[in-house]
Amino acid sequence: MSDLIRITGLWEKRSKKPGGSAFLSGEAQEDVPKDARLLAFFNGQKRNDADPDYTLYVAPDDPNYQRQGQGQQASSATAGAGEDDF
């Protein structure tokens, strides 16, 4: 059994602006602890639009996990996207 805690399903969306950015959307069904390590996994079992494209989990505490900003570079995956794009 996995120690991961399911938070929500995530659906791929696109901002409404022409050439808009892609993003993931979902509503948390559980409280997300501050500084929690989040993991999103592709849903290979999706059968219809009601099924999420990804599933978001909270990972268990791992003393060997190195948080971003502590020796790792932050991802630029969202560079250029802002709240105004959504």
C-alpha atoms as a PDB file:
ATOM      1  CA  MET A   1       0.000   0.000   0.000  1.00  0.00           C
ATOM      2  CA  SER A   2       1.252   3.472  -0.901  1.00  0.00           C
ATOM      3  CA  ASP A   3       1.909   6.160   1.708  1.00  0.00           C
ATOM      4  CA  LEU A   4       0.748   8.826  -0.757  1.00  0.00           C
ATOM      5  CA  ILE A   5      -2.334  10.832   0.223  1.00  0.00           C
ATOM      6  CA  ARG A   6      -4.663  11.677  -2.667  1.00  0.00           C
ATOM      7  CA  ILE A   7      -5.542  15.374  -2.740  1.00  0.00           C
ATOM      8  CA  THR A   8      -7.529  15.753  -5.974  1.00  0.00           C
ATOM      9  CA  GLY A   9      -7.841  15.006  -9.644  1.00  0.00           C
ATOM     10  CA  LEU A  10      -6.446  17.582 -12.068  1.00  0.00           C
ATOM     11  CA  TRP A  11      -7.809  18.424 -15.515  1.00  0.00           C
ATOM     12  CA  GLU A  12      -5.796  19.952 -18.366  1.00  0.00           C
ATOM     13  CA  LYS A  13      -7.171  23.355 -19.358  1.00  0.00           C
ATOM     14  CA  ARG A  14      -6.137  26.191 -21.632  1.00  0.00           C
ATOM     15  CA  SER A  15      -6.399  29.888 -20.855  1.00  0.00           C
ATOM     16  CA  LYS A  16      -9.051  31.721 -22.826  1.00  0.00           C
ATOM     17  CA  LYS A  17      -6.642  34.169 -24.414  1.00  0.00           C
ATOM     18  CA  PRO A  18      -5.580  33.405 -28.008  1.00  0.00           C
ATOM     19  CA  GLY A  19      -2.543  31.130 -27.910  1.00  0.00           C
ATOM     20  CA  GLY A  20      -3.234  30.722 -24.191  1.00  0.00           C
ATOM     21  CA  SER A  21      -1.092  28.778 -21.768  1.00  0.00           C
ATOM     22  CA  ALA A  22      -1.943  25.262 -20.660  1.00  0.00           C
ATOM     23  CA  PHE A  23      -2.556  24.668 -16.947  1.00  0.00           C
ATOM     24  CA  LEU A  24      -3.992  22.076 -14.563  1.00  0.00           C
ATOM     25  CA  SER A  25      -7.154  22.707 -12.551  1.00  0.00           C
ATOM     26  CA  GLY A  26      -8.758  20.896  -9.616  1.00  0.00           C
ATOM     27  CA  GLU A  27     -10.200  21.411  -6.145  1.00  0.00           C
ATOM     28  CA  ALA A  28      -8.466  20.049  -3.049  1.00  0.00           C
ATOM     29  CA  GLN A  29     -10.530  17.409  -1.277  1.00  0.00           C
ATOM     30  CA  GLU A  30      -8.082  17.263   1.642  1.00  0.00           C
ATOM     31  CA  ASP A  31      -6.094  19.866   3.580  1.00  0.00           C
ATOM     32  CA  VAL A  32      -2.651  20.365   2.079  1.00  0.00           C
ATOM     33  CA  PRO A  33       0.006  20.803   4.783  1.00  0.00           C
ATOM     34  CA  LYS A  34       2.351  23.773   4.523  1.00  0.00           C
ATOM     35  CA  ASP A  35       5.647  22.822   2.827  1.00  0.00           C
ATOM     36  CA  ALA A  36       4.163  19.515   1.661  1.00  0.00           C
ATOM     37  CA  ARG A  37       5.857  17.741  -1.239  1.00  0.00           C
ATOM     38  CA  LEU A  38       3.271  17.406  -4.003  1.00  0.00           C
ATOM     39  CA  LEU A  39       3.332  14.779  -6.739  1.00  0.00           C
ATOM     40  CA  ALA A  40       1.144  14.799  -9.864  1.00  0.00           C
ATOM     41  CA  PHE A  41       0.802  11.566 -11.843  1.00  0.00           C
ATOM     42  CA  PHE A  42      -0.663  11.149 -15.320  1.00  0.00           C
ATOM     43  CA  ASN A  43      -3.934   9.188 -15.287  1.00  0.00           C
ATOM     44  CA  GLY A  44      -3.423   6.390 -17.799  1.00  0.00           C
ATOM     45  CA  GLN A  45      -6.863   4.981 -16.868  1.00  0.00           C
ATOM     46  CA  LYS A  46      -8.861   7.993 -18.141  1.00  0.00           C
ATOM     47  CA  ARG A  47     -11.976   6.779 -19.977  1.00  0.00           C
ATOM     48  CA  ASN A  48     -14.058   9.987 -20.362  1.00  0.00           C
ATOM     49  CA  ASP A  49     -13.943  13.747 -19.739  1.00  0.00           C
ATOM     50  CA  ALA A  50     -15.198  13.330 -16.166  1.00  0.00           C
ATOM     51  CA  ASP A  51     -12.014  11.402 -15.300  1.00  0.00           C
ATOM     52  CA  PRO A  52      -9.025  13.586 -14.340  1.00  0.00           C
ATOM     53  CA  ASP A  53      -5.980  13.864 -16.602  1.00  0.00           C
ATOM     54  CA  TYR A  54      -3.678  13.752 -13.551  1.00  0.00           C
ATOM     55  CA  THR A  55      -3.977  12.897  -9.866  1.00  0.00           C
ATOM     56  CA  LEU A  56      -2.341  15.081  -7.200  1.00  0.00           C
ATOM     57  CA  TYR A  57      -0.882  13.484  -4.057  1.00  0.00           C
ATOM     58  CA  VAL A  58       1.008  14.589  -0.950  1.00  0.00           C
ATOM     59  CA  ALA A  59       4.146  12.532  -0.415  1.00  0.00           C
ATOM     60  CA  PRO A  60       5.105  11.288   3.046  1.00  0.00           C
ATOM     61  CA  ASP A  61       7.910  13.050   4.876  1.00  0.00           C
ATOM     62  CA  ASP A  62      11.289  11.980   3.531  1.00  0.00           C
ATOM     63  CA  PRO A  63      14.384  13.170   5.403  1.00  0.00           C
ATOM     64  CA  ASN A  64      16.482  12.642   2.243  1.00  0.00           C
ATOM     65  CA  TYR A  65      14.261  14.867   0.074  1.00  0.00           C
ATOM     66  CA  GLN A  66      15.957  18.114  -0.925  1.00  0.00           C
ATOM     67  CA  ARG A  67      13.483  20.964  -1.351  1.00  0.00           C
ATOM     68  CA  GLN A  68      13.744  23.411  -4.232  1.00  0.00           C
ATOM     69  CA  GLY A  69      15.853  26.388  -3.315  1.00  0.00           C
ATOM     70  CA  GLN A  70      18.111  24.188  -1.191  1.00  0.00           C
ATOM     71  CA  GLY A  71      20.615  23.082  -3.802  1.00  0.00           C
ATOM     72  CA  GLN A  72      18.164  22.607  -6.684  1.00  0.00           C
ATOM     73  CA  GLN A  73      17.060  25.128  -9.273  1.00  0.00           C
ATOM     74  CA  ALA A  74      13.384  25.996  -9.388  1.00  0.00           C
ATOM     75  CA  SER A  75      11.484  24.829 -12.464  1.00  0.00           C
ATOM     76  CA  SER A  76      10.793  27.331 -15.218  1.00  0.00           C
ATOM     77  CA  ALA A  77       7.743  25.354 -16.394  1.00  0.00           C
ATOM     78  CA  THR A  78       5.437  28.263 -15.542  1.00  0.00           C
ATOM     79  CA  ALA A  79       7.712  31.035 -16.801  1.00  0.00           C
ATOM     80  CA  GLY A  80       5.720  33.548 -18.772  1.00  0.00           C
ATOM     81  CA  ALA A  81       2.377  32.440 -17.352  1.00  0.00           C
ATOM     82  CA  GLY A  82       0.629  34.683 -14.886  1.00  0.00           C
ATOM     83  CA  GLU A  83      -2.712  34.904 -13.128  1.00  0.00           C
ATOM     84  CA  ASP A  84      -3.966  37.236 -15.863  1.00  0.00           C
ATOM     85  CA  ASP A  85      -3.592  34.384 -18.379  1.00  0.00           C
ATOM     86  CA  PHE A  86      -6.269  32.344 -16.634  1.00  0.00           C
END
